[in-house]
PDB file of N, CA and C in Angstrom:
ATOM      1  N   MET A   1       0.834  -1.181   0.000  1.00  0.00           N
ATOM      2  CA  MET A   1       0.000   0.000   0.000  1.00  0.00           C
ATOM      3  C   MET A   1       0.884   1.252   0.000  1.00  0.00           C
ATOM      4  N   ILE A   2       0.471   2.246  -0.757  1.00  0.00           N
ATOM      5  CA  ILE A   2       1.220   3.495  -0.866  1.00  0.00           C
ATOM      6  C   ILE A   2       0.726   4.452   0.209  1.00  0.00           C
ATOM      7  N   GLU A   3       1.649   4.896   1.055  1.00  0.00           N
ATOM      8  CA  GLU A   3       1.262   5.759   2.166  1.00  0.00           C
ATOM      9  C   GLU A   3       1.346   7.232   1.826  1.00  0.00           C
ATOM     10  N   ARG A   4       2.309   7.618   0.999  1.00  0.00           N
ATOM     11  CA  ARG A   4       2.492   9.027   0.650  1.00  0.00           C
ATOM     12  C   ARG A   4       2.450   9.186  -0.853  1.00  0.00           C
ATOM     13  N   VAL A   5       2.099  10.369  -1.313  1.00  0.00           N
ATOM     14  CA  VAL A   5       2.077  10.659  -2.746  1.00  0.00           C
ATOM     15  C   VAL A   5       3.477  10.535  -3.327  1.00  0.00           C
ATOM     16  N   GLU A   6       4.498  10.918  -2.558  1.00  0.00           N
ATOM     17  CA  GLU A   6       5.868  10.876  -3.049  1.00  0.00           C
ATOM     18  C   GLU A   6       6.327   9.452  -3.319  1.00  0.00           C
ATOM     19  N   ASP A   7       5.721   8.446  -2.647  1.00  0.00           N
ATOM     20  CA  ASP A   7       6.112   7.057  -2.816  1.00  0.00           C
ATOM     21  C   ASP A   7       5.433   6.398  -4.006  1.00  0.00           C
ATOM     22  N   ALA A   8       4.428   7.032  -4.577  1.00  0.00           N
ATOM     23  CA  ALA A   8       3.673   6.437  -5.677  1.00  0.00           C
ATOM     24  C   ALA A   8       4.440   6.562  -6.984  1.00  0.00           C
ATOM     25  N   PRO A   9       4.339   5.551  -7.851  1.00  0.00           N
ATOM     26  CA  PRO A   9       4.932   5.695  -9.185  1.00  0.00           C
ATOM     27  C   PRO A   9       4.231   6.818  -9.945  1.00  0.00           C
ATOM     28  N   LEU A  10       4.920   7.380 -10.937  1.00  0.00           N
ATOM     29  CA  LEU A  10       4.350   8.505 -11.686  1.00  0.00           C
ATOM     30  C   LEU A  10       3.041   8.142 -12.369  1.00  0.00           C
ATOM     31  N   ALA A  11       2.878   6.902 -12.773  1.00  0.00           N
ATOM     32  CA  ALA A  11       1.659   6.514 -13.483  1.00  0.00           C
ATOM     33  C   ALA A  11       0.437   6.549 -12.572  1.00  0.00           C
ATOM     34  N   MET A  12       0.623   6.459 -11.255  1.00  0.00           N
ATOM     35  CA  MET A  12      -0.502   6.422 -10.324  1.00  0.00           C
ATOM     36  C   MET A  12      -0.863   7.791  -9.768  1.00  0.00           C
ATOM     37  N   ILE A  13      -0.086   8.803 -10.054  1.00  0.00           N
ATOM     38  CA  ILE A  13      -0.323  10.131  -9.490  1.00  0.00           C
ATOM     39  C   ILE A  13      -1.214  10.927 -10.441  1.00  0.00           C
ATOM     40  N   THR A  14      -2.238  11.561  -9.906  1.00  0.00           N
ATOM     41  CA  THR A  14      -3.099  12.392 -10.735  1.00  0.00           C
ATOM     42  C   THR A  14      -2.412  13.723 -11.004  1.00  0.00           C
ATOM     43  N   PRO A  15      -2.855  14.472 -12.044  1.00  0.00           N
ATOM     44  CA  PRO A  15      -2.186  15.734 -12.384  1.00  0.00           C
ATOM     45  C   PRO A  15      -2.122  16.720 -11.235  1.00  0.00           C
ATOM     46  N   SER A  16      -3.159  16.798 -10.425  1.00  0.00           N
ATOM     47  CA  SER A  16      -3.151  17.767  -9.338  1.00  0.00           C
ATOM     48  C   SER A  16      -2.166  17.372  -8.239  1.00  0.00           C
ATOM     49  N   GLU A  17      -1.761  16.082  -8.195  1.00  0.00           N
ATOM     50  CA  GLU A  17      -0.845  15.624  -7.170  1.00  0.00           C
ATOM     51  C   GLU A  17       0.610  15.771  -7.566  1.00  0.00           C
ATOM     52  N   LEU A  18       0.901  16.051  -8.828  1.00  0.00           N
ATOM     53  CA  LEU A  18       2.287  16.238  -9.245  1.00  0.00           C
ATOM     54  C   LEU A  18       2.830  17.508  -8.589  1.00  0.00           C
ATOM     55  N   SER A  19       4.002  17.382  -7.977  1.00  0.00           N
ATOM     56  CA  SER A  19       4.578  18.540  -7.310  1.00  0.00           C
ATOM     57  C   SER A  19       5.238  19.463  -8.324  1.00  0.00           C
ATOM     58  N   ASP A  20       5.683  20.614  -7.852  1.00  0.00           N
ATOM     59  CA  ASP A  20       6.367  21.562  -8.728  1.00  0.00           C
ATOM     60  C   ASP A  20       7.646  20.942  -9.259  1.00  0.00           C
ATOM     61  N   LEU A  21       8.072  21.428 -10.403  1.00  0.00           N
ATOM     62  CA  LEU A  21       9.258  20.890 -11.057  1.00  0.00           C
ATOM     63  C   LEU A  21      10.533  21.297 -10.332  1.00  0.00           C
ATOM     64  N   LEU A  22      10.651  22.566  -9.985  1.00  0.00           N
ATOM     65  CA  LEU A  22      11.854  23.077  -9.342  1.00  0.00           C
ATOM     66  C   LEU A  22      11.576  23.424  -7.891  1.00  0.00           C
ATOM     67  N   ALA A  23      12.501  23.074  -7.032  1.00  0.00           N
ATOM     68  CA  ALA A  23      12.368  23.388  -5.610  1.00  0.00           C
ATOM     69  C   ALA A  23      12.737  24.847  -5.370  1.00  0.00           C
ATOM     70  N   PRO A  24      12.072  25.505  -4.436  1.00  0.00           N
ATOM     71  CA  PRO A  24      12.448  26.893  -4.125  1.00  0.00           C
ATOM     72  C   PRO A  24      13.818  26.939  -3.453  1.00  0.00           C
ATOM     73  N   HIS A  25      14.454  28.090  -3.518  1.00  0.00           N
ATOM     74  CA  HIS A  25      15.757  28.273  -2.890  1.00  0.00           C
ATOM     75  C   HIS A  25      15.614  28.195  -1.380  1.00  0.00           C
ATOM     76  N   GLN A  26      16.496  27.449  -0.739  1.00  0.00           N
ATOM     77  CA  GLN A  26      16.508  27.389   0.726  1.00  0.00           C
ATOM     78  C   GLN A  26      17.150  28.635   1.304  1.00  0.00           C
ATOM     79  N   LYS A  27      18.197  29.124   0.643  1.00  0.00           N
ATOM     80  CA  LYS A  27      18.861  30.355   1.061  1.00  0.00           C
ATOM     81  C   LYS A  27      19.394  31.037  -0.192  1.00  0.00           C
ATOM     82  N   ASP A  28      19.625  32.325  -0.102  1.00  0.00           N
ATOM     83  CA  ASP A  28      20.131  33.066  -1.251  1.00  0.00           C
ATOM     84  C   ASP A  28      21.572  32.699  -1.540  1.00  0.00           C
ATOM     85  N   ARG A  29      21.881  32.668  -2.817  1.00  0.00           N
ATOM     86  CA  ARG A  29      23.267  32.444  -3.223  1.00  0.00           C
ATOM     87  C   ARG A  29      24.021  33.761  -3.097  1.00  0.00           C
ATOM     88  N   PRO A  30      25.348  33.683  -2.984  1.00  0.00           N
ATOM     89  CA  PRO A  30      26.135  34.921  -2.949  1.00  0.00           C
ATOM     90  C   PRO A  30      25.952  35.720  -4.239  1.00  0.00           C
ATOM     91  N   LEU A  31      26.134  37.018  -4.127  1.00  0.00           N
ATOM     92  CA  LEU A  31      25.915  37.908  -5.259  1.00  0.00           C
ATOM     93  C   LEU A  31      26.789  37.560  -6.450  1.00  0.00           C
ATOM     94  N   TRP A  32      28.038  37.184  -6.214  1.00  0.00           N
ATOM     95  CA  TRP A  32      28.929  36.905  -7.331  1.00  0.00           C
ATOM     96  C   TRP A  32      28.501  35.645  -8.078  1.00  0.00           C
ATOM     97  N   ILE A  33      27.939  34.658  -7.398  1.00  0.00           N
ATOM     98  CA  ILE A  33      27.446  33.455  -8.082  1.00  0.00           C
ATOM     99  C   ILE A  33      26.203  33.791  -8.900  1.00  0.00           C
ATOM    100  N   ARG A  34      25.310  34.605  -8.319  1.00  0.00           N
ATOM    101  CA  ARG A  34      24.122  35.000  -9.073  1.00  0.00           C
ATOM    102  C   ARG A  34      24.495  35.821 -10.299  1.00  0.00           C
ATOM    103  N   ALA A  35      25.503  36.687 -10.168  1.00  0.00           N
ATOM    104  CA  ALA A  35      25.958  37.486 -11.317  1.00  0.00           C
ATOM    105  C   ALA A  35      26.545  36.591 -12.405  1.00  0.00           C
ATOM    106  N   LEU A  36      27.301  35.572 -12.004  1.00  0.00           N
ATOM    107  CA  LEU A  36      27.837  34.631 -13.003  1.00  0.00           C
ATOM    108  C   LEU A  36      26.722  33.854 -13.694  1.00  0.00           C
ATOM    109  N   CYS A  37      25.711  33.462 -12.948  1.00  0.00           N
ATOM    110  CA  CYS A  37      24.578  32.739 -13.549  1.00  0.00           C
ATOM    111  C   CYS A  37      23.832  33.620 -14.548  1.00  0.00           C
ATOM    112  N   VAL A  38      23.605  34.874 -14.182  1.00  0.00           N
ATOM    113  CA  VAL A  38      22.913  35.791 -15.098  1.00  0.00           C
ATOM    114  C   VAL A  38      23.757  36.045 -16.336  1.00  0.00           C
ATOM    115  N   ALA A  39      25.071  36.224 -16.157  1.00  0.00           N
ATOM    116  CA  ALA A  39      25.950  36.447 -17.306  1.00  0.00           C
ATOM    117  C   ALA A  39      25.968  35.220 -18.216  1.00  0.00           C
ATOM    118  N   GLY A  40      26.013  34.028 -17.621  1.00  0.00           N
ATOM    119  CA  GLY A  40      25.957  32.804 -18.423  1.00  0.00           C
ATOM    120  C   GLY A  40      24.632  32.661 -19.149  1.00  0.00           C
ATOM    121  N   ALA A  41      23.535  33.065 -18.496  1.00  0.00           N
ATOM    122  CA  ALA A  41      22.226  33.000 -19.142  1.00  0.00           C
ATOM    123  C   ALA A  41      22.155  33.956 -20.331  1.00  0.00           C
ATOM    124  N   VAL A  42      22.710  35.149 -20.177  1.00  0.00           N
ATOM    125  CA  VAL A  42      22.722  36.114 -21.285  1.00  0.00           C
ATOM    126  C   VAL A  42      23.511  35.555 -22.466  1.00  0.00           C
ATOM    127  N   VAL A  43      24.664  34.951 -22.172  1.00  0.00           N
ATOM    128  CA  VAL A  43      25.471  34.354 -23.244  1.00  0.00           C
ATOM    129  C   VAL A  43      24.694  33.229 -23.931  1.00  0.00           C
ATOM    130  N   CYS A  44      24.024  32.391 -23.141  1.00  0.00           N
ATOM    131  CA  CYS A  44      23.247  31.294 -23.733  1.00  0.00           C
ATOM    132  C   CYS A  44      22.094  31.816 -24.582  1.00  0.00           C
ATOM    133  N   PHE A  45      21.409  32.861 -24.115  1.00  0.00           N
ATOM    134  CA  PHE A  45      20.319  33.423 -24.919  1.00  0.00           C
ATOM    135  C   PHE A  45      20.851  34.039 -26.214  1.00  0.00           C
ATOM    136  N   LEU A  46      22.002  34.683 -26.144  1.00  0.00           N
ATOM    137  CA  LEU A  46      22.602  35.230 -27.365  1.00  0.00           C
ATOM    138  C   LEU A  46      22.996  34.116 -28.335  1.00  0.00           C
ATOM    139  N   LEU A  47      23.542  33.021 -27.806  1.00  0.00           N
ATOM    140  CA  LEU A  47      23.865  31.884 -28.665  1.00  0.00           C
ATOM    141  C   LEU A  47      22.599  31.258 -29.245  1.00  0.00           C
ATOM    142  N   GLY A  48      21.512  31.281 -28.489  1.00  0.00           N
ATOM    143  CA  GLY A  48      20.233  30.797 -29.022  1.00  0.00           C
ATOM    144  C   GLY A  48      19.745  31.642 -30.180  1.00  0.00           C
ATOM    145  N   ILE A  49      19.932  32.959 -30.085  1.00  0.00           N
ATOM    146  CA  ILE A  49      19.546  33.847 -31.185  1.00  0.00           C
ATOM    147  C   ILE A  49      20.430  33.587 -32.397  1.00  0.00           C
ATOM    148  N   VAL A  50      21.735  33.388 -32.153  1.00  0.00           N
ATOM    149  CA  VAL A  50      22.644  33.055 -33.256  1.00  0.00           C
ATOM    150  C   VAL A  50      22.228  31.728 -33.886  1.00  0.00           C
ATOM    151  N   GLY A  51      21.747  30.790 -33.063  1.00  0.00           N
ATOM    152  CA  GLY A  51      21.262  29.514 -33.580  1.00  0.00           C
ATOM    153  C   GLY A  51      20.072  29.669 -34.506  1.00  0.00           C
ATOM    154  N   TRP A  52      19.268  30.704 -34.294  1.00  0.00           N
ATOM    155  CA  TRP A  52      18.176  30.984 -35.233  1.00  0.00           C
ATOM    156  C   TRP A  52      18.711  31.503 -36.559  1.00  0.00           C
ATOM    157  N   LEU A  53      19.733  32.325 -36.481  1.00  0.00           N
ATOM    158  CA  LEU A  53      20.257  32.956 -37.691  1.00  0.00           C
ATOM    159  C   LEU A  53      21.134  32.019 -38.500  1.00  0.00           C
ATOM    160  N   ILE A  54      21.910  31.191 -37.840  1.00  0.00           N
ATOM    161  CA  ILE A  54      22.796  30.252 -38.525  1.00  0.00           C
ATOM    162  C   ILE A  54      22.224  28.849 -38.312  1.00  0.00           C
ATOM    163  N   PRO A  55      21.777  28.212 -39.368  1.00  0.00           N
ATOM    164  CA  PRO A  55      21.062  26.934 -39.204  1.00  0.00           C
ATOM    165  C   PRO A  55      21.956  25.722 -38.926  1.00  0.00           C
ATOM    166  N   VAL A  56      23.185  25.935 -38.459  1.00  0.00           N
ATOM    167  CA  VAL A  56      24.063  24.804 -38.163  1.00  0.00           C
ATOM    168  C   VAL A  56      23.636  24.111 -36.873  1.00  0.00           C
ATOM    169  N   ILE A  57      23.288  24.889 -35.864  1.00  0.00           N
ATOM    170  CA  ILE A  57      22.854  24.344 -34.573  1.00  0.00           C
ATOM    171  C   ILE A  57      21.574  25.071 -34.156  1.00  0.00           C
ATOM    172  N   THR A  58      20.663  24.329 -33.559  1.00  0.00           N
ATOM    173  CA  THR A  58      19.421  24.971 -33.126  1.00  0.00           C
ATOM    174  C   THR A  58      19.662  25.770 -31.851  1.00  0.00           C
ATOM    175  N   GLY A  59      18.807  26.710 -31.597  1.00  0.00           N
ATOM    176  CA  GLY A  59      18.962  27.555 -30.423  1.00  0.00           C
ATOM    177  C   GLY A  59      18.269  27.028 -29.188  1.00  0.00           C
ATOM    178  N   ILE A  60      17.442  26.004 -29.325  1.00  0.00           N
ATOM    179  CA  ILE A  60      16.634  25.523 -28.206  1.00  0.00           C
ATOM    180  C   ILE A  60      17.486  25.046 -27.030  1.00  0.00           C
ATOM    181  N   PRO A  61      18.549  24.253 -27.233  1.00  0.00           N
ATOM    182  CA  PRO A  61      19.347  23.849 -26.061  1.00  0.00           C
ATOM    183  C   PRO A  61      19.939  25.039 -25.309  1.00  0.00           C
ATOM    184  N   PHE A  62      20.299  26.080 -26.039  1.00  0.00           N
ATOM    185  CA  PHE A  62      20.854  27.261 -25.380  1.00  0.00           C
ATOM    186  C   PHE A  62      19.789  27.976 -24.547  1.00  0.00           C
ATOM    187  N   TYR A  63      18.544  27.994 -25.032  1.00  0.00           N
ATOM    188  CA  TYR A  63      17.469  28.602 -24.255  1.00  0.00           C
ATOM    189  C   TYR A  63      17.199  27.807 -22.973  1.00  0.00           C
ATOM    190  N   VAL A  64      17.234  26.487 -23.064  1.00  0.00           N
ATOM    191  CA  VAL A  64      16.992  25.644 -21.890  1.00  0.00           C
ATOM    192  C   VAL A  64      18.086  25.869 -20.843  1.00  0.00           C
ATOM    193  N   VAL A  65      19.335  25.894 -21.283  1.00  0.00           N
ATOM    194  CA  VAL A  65      20.441  26.132 -20.351  1.00  0.00           C
ATOM    195  C   VAL A  65      20.341  27.546 -19.773  1.00  0.00           C
ATOM    196  N   GLY A  66      19.962  28.511 -20.590  1.00  0.00           N
ATOM    197  CA  GLY A  66      19.796  29.879 -20.102  1.00  0.00           C
ATOM    198  C   GLY A  66      18.722  29.983 -19.035  1.00  0.00           C
ATOM    199  N   LEU A  67      17.595  29.280 -19.237  1.00  0.00           N
ATOM    200  CA  LEU A  67      16.536  29.280 -18.222  1.00  0.00           C
ATOM    201  C   LEU A  67      17.003  28.597 -16.938  1.00  0.00           C
ATOM    202  N   ALA A  68      17.767  27.508 -17.079  1.00  0.00           N
ATOM    203  CA  ALA A  68      18.284  26.830 -15.888  1.00  0.00           C
ATOM    204  C   ALA A  68      19.227  27.748 -15.118  1.00  0.00           C
ATOM    205  N   LEU A  69      20.061  28.474 -15.820  1.00  0.00           N
ATOM    206  CA  LEU A  69      20.978  29.401 -15.153  1.00  0.00           C
ATOM    207  C   LEU A  69      20.224  30.544 -14.475  1.00  0.00           C
ATOM    208  N   LEU A  70      19.191  31.045 -15.131  1.00  0.00           N
ATOM    209  CA  LEU A  70      18.385  32.086 -14.492  1.00  0.00           C
ATOM    210  C   LEU A  70      17.659  31.556 -13.266  1.00  0.00           C
ATOM    211  N   GLY A  71      17.215  30.302 -13.339  1.00  0.00           N
ATOM    212  CA  GLY A  71      16.573  29.688 -12.180  1.00  0.00           C
ATOM    213  C   GLY A  71      17.521  29.540 -11.009  1.00  0.00           C
ATOM    214  N   MET A  72      18.804  29.322 -11.304  1.00  0.00           N
ATOM    215  CA  MET A  72      19.792  29.238 -10.233  1.00  0.00           C
ATOM    216  C   MET A  72      20.045  30.604  -9.606  1.00  0.00           C
ATOM    217  N   ALA A  73      19.789  31.671 -10.360  1.00  0.00           N
ATOM    218  CA  ALA A  73      20.070  33.013  -9.867  1.00  0.00           C
ATOM    219  C   ALA A  73      18.869  33.670  -9.190  1.00  0.00           C
ATOM    220  N   SER A  74      17.659  33.321  -9.582  1.00  0.00           N
ATOM    221  CA  SER A  74      16.495  34.066  -9.116  1.00  0.00           C
ATOM    222  C   SER A  74      15.359  33.130  -8.712  1.00  0.00           C
ATOM    223  N   SER A  75      14.758  33.397  -7.570  1.00  0.00           N
ATOM    224  CA  SER A  75      13.611  32.600  -7.144  1.00  0.00           C
ATOM    225  C   SER A  75      12.361  32.950  -7.948  1.00  0.00           C
ATOM    226  N   ARG A  76      12.295  34.162  -8.494  1.00  0.00           N
ATOM    227  CA  ARG A  76      11.148  34.537  -9.334  1.00  0.00           C
ATOM    228  C   ARG A  76      11.092  33.703 -10.602  1.00  0.00           C
ATOM    229  N   VAL A  77      12.254  33.386 -11.155  1.00  0.00           N
ATOM    230  CA  VAL A  77      12.297  32.560 -12.364  1.00  0.00           C
ATOM    231  C   VAL A  77      11.839  31.138 -12.037  1.00  0.00           C
ATOM    232  N   ILE A  78      12.195  30.637 -10.857  1.00  0.00           N
ATOM    233  CA  ILE A  78      11.741  29.306 -10.451  1.00  0.00           C
ATOM    234  C   ILE A  78      10.216  29.271 -10.353  1.00  0.00           C
ATOM    235  N   VAL A  79       9.630  30.290  -9.754  1.00  0.00           N
ATOM    236  CA  VAL A  79       8.161  30.358  -9.646  1.00  0.00           C
ATOM    237  C   VAL A  79       7.539  30.421 -11.033  1.00  0.00           C
ATOM    238  N   TRP A  80       8.129  31.199 -11.932  1.00  0.00           N
ATOM    239  CA  TRP A  80       7.618  31.336 -13.301  1.00  0.00           C
ATOM    240  C   TRP A  80       7.701  30.003 -14.049  1.00  0.00           C
ATOM    241  N   ILE A  81       8.833  29.301 -13.932  1.00  0.00           N
ATOM    242  CA  ILE A  81       8.990  28.007 -14.602  1.00  0.00           C
ATOM    243  C   ILE A  81       7.982  27.005 -14.055  1.00  0.00           C
ATOM    244  N   ASN A  82       7.806  26.967 -12.733  1.00  0.00           N
ATOM    245  CA  ASN A  82       6.835  26.047 -12.133  1.00  0.00           C
ATOM    246  C   ASN A  82       5.415  26.358 -12.592  1.00  0.00           C
ATOM    247  N   ARG A  83       5.075  27.639 -12.686  1.00  0.00           N
ATOM    248  CA  ARG A  83       3.727  28.011 -13.119  1.00  0.00           C
ATOM    249  C   ARG A  83       3.491  27.594 -14.562  1.00  0.00           C
ATOM    250  N   LEU A  84       4.479  27.803 -15.428  1.00  0.00           N
ATOM    251  CA  LEU A  84       4.326  27.393 -16.825  1.00  0.00           C
ATOM    252  C   LEU A  84       4.280  25.876 -16.957  1.00  0.00           C
ATOM    253  N   GLU A  85       5.055  25.181 -16.151  1.00  0.00           N
ATOM    254  CA  GLU A  85       5.067  23.723 -16.223  1.00  0.00           C
ATOM    255  C   GLU A  85       3.729  23.133 -15.779  1.00  0.00           C
ATOM    256  N   ARG A  86       3.062  23.757 -14.821  1.00  0.00           N
ATOM    257  CA  ARG A  86       1.746  23.273 -14.374  1.00  0.00           C
ATOM    258  C   ARG A  86       0.693  23.416 -15.465  1.00  0.00           C
ATOM    259  N   ARG A  87       0.910  24.291 -16.439  1.00  0.00           N
ATOM    260  CA  ARG A  87      -0.051  24.475 -17.523  1.00  0.00           C
ATOM    261  C   ARG A  87       0.079  23.407 -18.606  1.00  0.00           C
ATOM    262  N   LEU A  88       1.164  22.633 -18.584  1.00  0.00           N
ATOM    263  CA  LEU A  88       1.357  21.583 -19.576  1.00  0.00           C
ATOM    264  C   LEU A  88       0.372  20.445 -19.350  1.00  0.00           C
ATOM    265  N   PRO A  89       0.042  19.708 -20.398  1.00  0.00           N
ATOM    266  CA  PRO A  89      -0.795  18.520 -20.203  1.00  0.00           C
ATOM    267  C   PRO A  89      -0.077  17.490 -19.326  1.00  0.00           C
ATOM    268  N   ASP A  90      -0.862  16.675 -18.658  1.00  0.00           N
ATOM    269  CA  ASP A  90      -0.332  15.698 -17.712  1.00  0.00           C
ATOM    270  C   ASP A  90       0.706  14.780 -18.362  1.00  0.00           C
ATOM    271  N   ARG A  91       0.438  14.341 -19.561  1.00  0.00           N
ATOM    272  CA  ARG A  91       1.360  13.425 -20.247  1.00  0.00           C
ATOM    273  C   ARG A  91       2.727  14.058 -20.452  1.00  0.00           C
ATOM    274  N   PHE A  92       2.770  15.319 -20.839  1.00  0.00           N
ATOM    275  CA  PHE A  92       4.048  16.010 -21.050  1.00  0.00           C
ATOM    276  C   PHE A  92       4.788  16.234 -19.739  1.00  0.00           C
ATOM    277  N   ARG A  93       4.033  16.507 -18.684  1.00  0.00           N
ATOM    278  CA  ARG A  93       4.666  16.704 -17.379  1.00  0.00           C
ATOM    279  C   ARG A  93       5.352  15.421 -16.916  1.00  0.00           C
ATOM    280  N   ARG A  94       4.687  14.270 -17.131  1.00  0.00           N
ATOM    281  CA  ARG A  94       5.283  12.995 -16.748  1.00  0.00           C
ATOM    282  C   ARG A  94       6.500  12.666 -17.607  1.00  0.00           C
ATOM    283  N   GLU A  95       6.433  12.925 -18.888  1.00  0.00           N
ATOM    284  CA  GLU A  95       7.570  12.669 -19.773  1.00  0.00           C
ATOM    285  C   GLU A  95       8.750  13.575 -19.425  1.00  0.00           C
ATOM    286  N   LEU A  96       8.463  14.811 -19.060  1.00  0.00           N
ATOM    287  CA  LEU A  96       9.525  15.727 -18.652  1.00  0.00           C
ATOM    288  C   LEU A  96      10.241  15.198 -17.414  1.00  0.00           C
ATOM    289  N   ARG A  97       9.491  14.673 -16.465  1.00  0.00           N
ATOM    290  CA  ARG A  97      10.095  14.125 -15.260  1.00  0.00           C
ATOM    291  C   ARG A  97      10.925  12.879 -15.569  1.00  0.00           C
ATOM    292  N   ARG A  98      10.428  12.033 -16.469  1.00  0.00           N
ATOM    293  CA  ARG A  98      11.206  10.855 -16.857  1.00  0.00           C
ATOM    294  C   ARG A  98      12.499  11.259 -17.548  1.00  0.00           C
ATOM    295  N   ALA A  99      12.444  12.283 -18.383  1.00  0.00           N
ATOM    296  CA  ALA A  99      13.658  12.747 -19.059  1.00  0.00           C
ATOM    297  C   ALA A  99      14.643  13.351 -18.063  1.00  0.00           C
ATOM    298  N   LEU A 100      14.129  14.080 -17.079  1.00  0.00           N
ATOM    299  CA  LEU A 100      15.004  14.678 -16.073  1.00  0.00           C
ATOM    300  C   LEU A 100      15.665  13.622 -15.198  1.00  0.00           C
ATOM    301  N   PHE A 101      15.018  12.471 -15.043  1.00  0.00           N
ATOM    302  CA  PHE A 101      15.596  11.402 -14.243  1.00  0.00           C
ATOM    303  C   PHE A 101      16.876  10.865 -14.883  1.00  0.00           C
ATOM    304  N   LYS A 102      17.018  11.034 -16.193  1.00  0.00           N
ATOM    305  CA  LYS A 102      18.198  10.538 -16.899  1.00  0.00           C
ATOM    306  C   LYS A 102      19.419  11.446 -16.729  1.00  0.00           C
ATOM    307  N   ILE A 103      19.211  12.661 -16.216  1.00  0.00           N
ATOM    308  CA  ILE A 103      20.332  13.576 -15.966  1.00  0.00           C
ATOM    309  C   ILE A 103      21.095  13.062 -14.755  1.00  0.00           C
ATOM    310  N   PRO A 104      22.421  13.050 -14.796  1.00  0.00           N
ATOM    311  CA  PRO A 104      23.191  12.566 -13.636  1.00  0.00           C
ATOM    312  C   PRO A 104      22.858  13.340 -12.357  1.00  0.00           C
ATOM    313  N   GLN A 105      22.946  12.640 -11.240  1.00  0.00           N
ATOM    314  CA  GLN A 105      22.565  13.204  -9.934  1.00  0.00           C
ATOM    315  C   GLN A 105      23.353  14.460  -9.594  1.00  0.00           C
ATOM    316  N   ARG A 106      24.633  14.506  -9.893  1.00  0.00           N
ATOM    317  CA  ARG A 106      25.450  15.670  -9.518  1.00  0.00           C
ATOM    318  C   ARG A 106      25.009  16.930 -10.263  1.00  0.00           C
ATOM    319  N   ILE A 107      24.432  16.776 -11.455  1.00  0.00           N
ATOM    320  CA  ILE A 107      23.928  17.927 -12.204  1.00  0.00           C
ATOM    321  C   ILE A 107      22.534  18.296 -11.710  1.00  0.00           C
ATOM    322  N   ARG A 108      21.696  17.301 -11.450  1.00  0.00           N
ATOM    323  CA  ARG A 108      20.347  17.569 -10.959  1.00  0.00           C
ATOM    324  C   ARG A 108      20.363  18.349  -9.657  1.00  0.00           C
ATOM    325  N   ARG A 109      21.333  18.078  -8.803  1.00  0.00           N
ATOM    326  CA  ARG A 109      21.423  18.770  -7.516  1.00  0.00           C
ATOM    327  C   ARG A 109      21.616  20.268  -7.708  1.00  0.00           C
ATOM    328  N   HIS A 110      22.408  20.666  -8.691  1.00  0.00           N
ATOM    329  CA  HIS A 110      22.658  22.088  -8.932  1.00  0.00           C
ATOM    330  C   HIS A 110      21.469  22.779  -9.595  1.00  0.00           C
ATOM    331  N   LEU A 111      20.644  22.031 -10.298  1.00  0.00           N
ATOM    332  CA  LEU A 111      19.480  22.617 -10.970  1.00  0.00           C
ATOM    333  C   LEU A 111      18.288  22.781 -10.046  1.00  0.00           C
ATOM    334  N   ARG A 112      18.411  22.339  -8.802  1.00  0.00           N
ATOM    335  CA  ARG A 112      17.347  22.454  -7.794  1.00  0.00           C
ATOM    336  C   ARG A 112      16.092  21.668  -8.184  1.00  0.00           C
ATOM    337  N   LEU A 113      16.282  20.526  -8.831  1.00  0.00           N
ATOM    338  CA  LEU A 113      15.144  19.677  -9.161  1.00  0.00           C
ATOM    339  C   LEU A 113      14.700  18.946  -7.907  1.00  0.00           C
ATOM    340  N   ARG A 114      13.418  18.788  -7.762  1.00  0.00           N
ATOM    341  CA  ARG A 114      12.890  18.074  -6.602  1.00  0.00           C
ATOM    342  C   ARG A 114      13.206  16.589  -6.762  1.00  0.00           C
ATOM    343  N   GLU A 115      13.685  15.988  -5.693  1.00  0.00           N
ATOM    344  CA  GLU A 115      14.046  14.568  -5.748  1.00  0.00           C
ATOM    345  C   GLU A 115      12.817  13.676  -5.851  1.00  0.00           C
ATOM    346  N   ASP A 116      11.692  14.099  -5.275  1.00  0.00           N
ATOM    347  CA  ASP A 116      10.507  13.244  -5.302  1.00  0.00           C
ATOM    348  C   ASP A 116       9.891  13.133  -6.692  1.00  0.00           C
ATOM    349  N   ILE A 117      10.253  14.036  -7.603  1.00  0.00           N
ATOM    350  CA  ILE A 117       9.664  13.943  -8.940  1.00  0.00           C
ATOM    351  C   ILE A 117      10.555  13.228  -9.923  1.00  0.00           C
ATOM    352  N   VAL A 118      11.830  13.099  -9.622  1.00  0.00           N
ATOM    353  CA  VAL A 118      12.731  12.498 -10.590  1.00  0.00           C
ATOM    354  C   VAL A 118      13.267  11.149 -10.107  1.00  0.00           C
ATOM    355  N   ARG A 119      12.641  10.565  -9.109  1.00  0.00           N
ATOM    356  CA  ARG A 119      13.101   9.280  -8.592  1.00  0.00           C
ATOM    357  C   ARG A 119      12.865   8.167  -9.571  1.00  0.00           C
ATOM    358  N   GLY A 120      11.925   8.260 -10.415  1.00  0.00           N
ATOM    359  CA  GLY A 120      11.649   7.198 -11.381  1.00  0.00           C
ATOM    360  C   GLY A 120      10.175   7.030 -11.566  1.00  0.00           C
ATOM    361  N   SER A 121       9.839   6.142 -12.468  1.00  0.00           N
ATOM    362  CA  SER A 121       8.410   5.957 -12.756  1.00  0.00           C
ATOM    363  C   SER A 121       7.922   4.664 -12.273  1.00  0.00           C
TER     364      SER A 121
END
């Protein structure tokens, strides 16, 4: 018997029971780390724009990395990403969590992903 929602496989959880994608910040990062994250996000967004102009590489991976870097720098971006993710259909939300589970643990920890959503299906 499943006692908690976090212990249930993803297939058994209803859409309203899925938790947020990104965990809120426990404490603020130092200013210099946040500045580096914002600078890296700006560079990634610029590379994404270049990816639109030069069809050798797509810009989408650069946008994803840029959003992740902004999420590391700002709690407002985390709230915005979580709100947009809740608007996705249930099937896409589950697939996103399965894909995130494939990211190595040492990287997931820095992205502030919730452990209860990426444990597996």
